[in-house]
């Protein structure tokens, strides 16, 4: 069948509308949609907020998902699936990450709302919440804190590999998941479960 490339800025509603329309015209009904685009800002306390930075990040991280959820169902057959990429940051994160945390919390909320709204068409909507991914974004200038502490705070002691997140996308898109919708599924190396033993050791050593 091959593939096509359609240049799209997800923060622009007309771009996403065109993406879905052209995909439908090229291949017919869409079965799987993944809203995955996202950016991060350098660490910035909320009291030092640059609103323009927030607007740029929200345009991609939040409204990019809104646009996907708005236009994808128009070209999907009943029984399709939509998967959004949120983050473990939706459950909280480090000081200075307010823009990113709030944007990913919004993605979780949008996932739940759209899962309810699209249930009558049996279109399932879920999101995955990975911790820091081993991608270039993890090494972005101004975001060094997260990278430094990943091996200490995460029980499994490392970042999430791309293929590990891809496996979860694949599972949620499969026919084995017909009864899973509206879920925010964490893939975080145990981070949400509680503090790692290595972090406790570091704290205790500092108290001695």
Protein backbone atom coordinates (compact mmCIF):
# COMPACT_ATOMS: atom_id res chain seq x y z
CA UNK A 1 0.00 0.00 0.00
CA UNK A 2 2.92 2.36 0.63
CA UNK A 3 2.65 5.60 2.54
CA UNK A 4 2.31 9.33 2.04
CA UNK A 5 3.83 12.31 3.84
CA UNK A 6 1.64 15.28 4.66
CA UNK A 7 3.42 18.22 6.29
CA UNK A 8 1.33 19.23 9.29
CA UNK A 9 1.62 21.74 12.11
CA UNK A 10 -0.70 20.21 14.70
CA UNK A 11 -1.16 23.57 16.43
CA UNK A 12 -2.97 24.77 13.28
CA UNK A 13 -6.53 23.49 13.03
CA UNK A 14 -6.63 23.77 9.25
CA UNK A 15 -3.47 21.64 8.92
CA UNK A 16 -4.92 18.80 10.98
CA UNK A 17 -8.24 18.99 9.14
CA UNK A 18 -6.34 18.68 5.86
CA UNK A 19 -4.22 15.80 7.19
CA UNK A 20 -7.26 13.71 8.04
CA UNK A 21 -9.08 14.59 4.80
CA UNK A 22 -6.10 13.74 2.57
CA UNK A 23 -5.48 10.50 4.43
CA UNK A 24 -9.09 9.47 3.94
CA UNK A 25 -9.02 10.40 0.25
CA UNK A 26 -5.81 8.38 -0.24
CA UNK A 27 -6.63 5.26 1.78
CA UNK A 28 -10.29 5.30 2.76
CA UNK A 29 -11.60 5.16 6.32
CA UNK A 30 -9.02 5.63 9.08
CA UNK A 31 -8.77 2.85 11.66
CA UNK A 32 -6.05 4.11 14.03
CA UNK A 33 -5.05 7.65 14.99
CA UNK A 34 -2.18 8.52 17.32
CA UNK A 35 -1.89 12.08 18.62
CA UNK A 36 1.76 12.08 19.56
CA UNK A 37 3.31 15.48 18.83
CA UNK A 38 4.71 17.30 21.85
CA UNK A 39 7.38 19.72 23.02
CA UNK A 40 8.88 20.76 26.34
CA UNK A 41 10.12 24.10 27.66
CA UNK A 42 13.27 24.88 29.62
CA UNK A 43 12.62 24.81 33.36
CA UNK A 44 10.53 27.84 34.31
CA UNK A 45 8.84 28.56 37.63
CA UNK A 46 5.19 29.57 37.37
CA UNK A 47 5.99 32.85 39.08
CA UNK A 48 8.42 33.57 36.23
CA UNK A 49 6.01 32.47 33.53
CA UNK A 50 6.43 33.73 30.00
CA UNK A 51 2.88 33.45 28.67
CA UNK A 52 4.09 33.28 25.08
CA UNK A 53 6.05 30.13 25.95
CA UNK A 54 2.95 28.58 27.49
CA UNK A 55 0.87 29.47 24.45
CA UNK A 56 3.37 27.82 22.12
CA UNK A 57 3.56 24.65 24.22
CA UNK A 58 -0.22 24.44 24.69
CA UNK A 59 -0.71 24.98 20.97
CA UNK A 60 1.12 21.73 20.26
CA UNK A 61 0.65 19.61 23.39
CA UNK A 62 -3.00 20.45 24.06
CA UNK A 63 -4.62 21.94 20.97
CA UNK A 64 -2.78 19.50 18.74
CA UNK A 65 -4.68 16.75 20.54
CA UNK A 66 -7.93 18.73 20.44
CA UNK A 67 -7.60 19.13 16.68
CA UNK A 68 -6.88 15.42 16.24
CA UNK A 69 -9.88 14.45 18.36
CA UNK A 70 -12.09 16.91 16.48
CA UNK A 71 -11.24 15.85 12.93
CA UNK A 72 -10.17 12.21 13.07
CA UNK A 73 -13.62 10.77 13.93
CA UNK A 74 -15.11 12.40 10.82
CA UNK A 75 -13.02 10.02 8.72
CA UNK A 76 -12.98 6.95 10.97
CA UNK A 77 -15.14 3.87 10.72
CA UNK A 78 -17.02 2.80 13.83
CA UNK A 79 -14.84 0.58 16.00
CA UNK A 80 -11.63 2.50 15.36
CA UNK A 81 -9.18 3.63 18.01
CA UNK A 82 -7.47 6.88 19.00
CA UNK A 83 -4.39 6.92 21.22
CA UNK A 84 -3.02 10.11 22.74
CA UNK A 85 0.43 10.58 24.21
CA UNK A 86 0.31 12.15 27.66
CA UNK A 87 3.10 11.68 30.21
CA UNK A 88 3.79 10.50 33.74
CA UNK A 89 4.07 14.28 34.32
CA UNK A 90 0.25 14.32 34.32
CA UNK A 91 0.62 12.82 37.79
CA UNK A 92 3.04 15.57 38.87
CA UNK A 93 6.72 16.23 38.25
CA UNK A 94 9.54 18.62 39.13
CA UNK A 95 9.51 22.32 39.99
CA UNK A 96 9.86 24.35 36.81
CA UNK A 97 7.78 21.97 34.69
CA UNK A 98 4.39 23.60 35.24
CA UNK A 99 3.68 24.18 31.56
CA UNK A 100 4.45 20.60 30.60
CA UNK A 101 2.65 19.08 33.62
CA UNK A 102 -0.52 21.05 32.98
CA UNK A 103 -0.48 20.31 29.25
CA UNK A 104 -0.23 16.56 29.82
CA UNK A 105 -2.91 16.67 32.52
CA UNK A 106 -5.13 18.26 29.88
CA UNK A 107 -4.40 15.39 27.49
CA UNK A 108 -5.58 12.90 30.12
CA UNK A 109 -8.80 14.89 30.60
CA UNK A 110 -9.41 15.16 26.86
CA UNK A 111 -8.88 11.42 26.53
CA UNK A 112 -11.55 10.65 29.12
CA UNK A 113 -14.06 13.15 27.73
CA UNK A 114 -13.68 11.98 24.14
CA UNK A 115 -13.84 8.30 25.18
CA UNK A 116 -17.31 8.97 26.58
CA UNK A 117 -18.42 11.04 23.61
CA UNK A 118 -17.25 8.52 20.99
CA UNK A 119 -18.39 5.38 22.82
CA UNK A 120 -21.67 5.29 20.87
CA UNK A 121 -19.58 4.67 17.75
CA UNK A 122 -17.40 2.15 19.55
CA UNK A 123 -14.35 4.34 18.90
CA UNK A 124 -11.99 3.71 21.78
CA UNK A 125 -9.84 6.57 23.11
CA UNK A 126 -6.91 5.95 25.47
CA UNK A 127 -3.65 7.65 26.35
CA UNK A 128 -0.27 6.40 27.43
CA UNK A 129 1.76 8.17 30.11
CA UNK A 130 5.46 7.34 29.72
CA UNK A 131 8.16 8.70 31.94
CA UNK A 132 11.22 10.31 30.38
CA UNK A 133 11.78 8.77 26.96
CA UNK A 134 15.26 8.15 25.64
CA UNK A 135 14.82 10.54 22.72
CA UNK A 136 16.48 13.86 21.80
CA UNK A 137 13.80 15.77 23.75
CA UNK A 138 15.13 14.25 26.99
CA UNK A 139 18.45 15.98 26.35
CA UNK A 140 16.95 19.40 25.54
CA UNK A 141 18.88 22.36 26.88
CA UNK A 142 17.33 23.74 30.05
CA UNK A 143 15.79 20.42 31.15
CA UNK A 144 18.83 18.93 32.87
CA UNK A 145 17.19 18.28 36.25
CA UNK A 146 14.95 15.50 35.01
CA UNK A 147 17.76 13.81 33.13
CA UNK A 148 20.06 13.88 36.16
CA UNK A 149 17.61 12.29 38.57
CA UNK A 150 15.94 9.70 36.31
CA UNK A 151 18.25 6.89 37.40
CA UNK A 152 17.60 7.68 41.06
CA UNK A 153 13.85 8.32 41.20
CA UNK A 154 12.67 5.54 38.87
CA UNK A 155 12.55 2.09 40.52
CA UNK A 156 13.82 0.43 37.32
CA UNK A 157 16.62 2.98 37.28
CA UNK A 158 16.47 4.15 33.66
CA UNK A 159 14.53 6.00 30.99
CA UNK A 160 11.80 4.38 28.91
CA UNK A 161 13.00 3.01 25.58
CA UNK A 162 11.14 4.02 22.43
CA UNK A 163 10.31 0.43 21.52
CA UNK A 164 8.80 -0.15 24.97
CA UNK A 165 6.35 2.70 24.48
CA UNK A 166 5.66 1.53 20.93
CA UNK A 167 4.66 -1.88 22.29
CA UNK A 168 1.96 -0.25 24.43
CA UNK A 169 0.66 1.74 21.45
CA UNK A 170 0.52 -1.50 19.48
CA UNK A 171 -1.39 -3.28 22.25
CA UNK A 172 -3.97 -0.50 22.63
CA UNK A 173 -4.49 -0.38 18.86
CA UNK A 174 -5.04 -4.13 18.61
CA UNK A 175 -8.32 -6.02 18.48
CA UNK A 176 -7.44 -7.52 21.89
CA UNK A 177 -8.41 -4.21 23.53
CA UNK A 178 -12.05 -3.88 22.53
CA UNK A 179 -13.14 -3.16 26.13
CA UNK A 180 -10.40 -0.70 27.08
CA UNK A 181 -11.29 2.97 26.64
CA UNK A 182 -10.88 6.21 28.57
CA UNK A 183 -7.74 4.96 30.28
CA UNK A 184 -4.50 6.76 31.09
CA UNK A 185 -1.94 3.98 31.23
CA UNK A 186 1.40 4.67 32.87
CA UNK A 187 4.61 3.19 31.50
CA UNK A 188 7.06 4.68 33.96
CA UNK A 189 9.38 2.02 35.31
CA UNK A 190 7.46 1.95 38.60
CA UNK A 191 7.66 5.70 39.24
CA UNK A 192 3.97 6.06 40.10
CA UNK A 193 4.13 3.11 42.49
CA UNK A 194 6.40 4.94 44.90
CA UNK A 195 9.95 6.06 45.66
CA UNK A 196 12.77 3.84 44.46
CA UNK A 197 15.09 2.09 46.89
CA UNK A 198 18.03 3.98 45.37
CA UNK A 199 16.31 7.30 46.11
CA UNK A 200 15.63 6.26 49.71
CA UNK A 201 19.28 5.25 50.04
CA UNK A 202 20.39 8.68 48.78
CA UNK A 203 18.10 10.43 51.27
CA UNK A 204 19.25 8.31 54.18
CA UNK A 205 22.91 8.84 53.30
CA UNK A 206 22.31 12.58 53.28
CA UNK A 207 20.76 12.41 56.75
CA UNK A 208 23.65 10.54 58.29
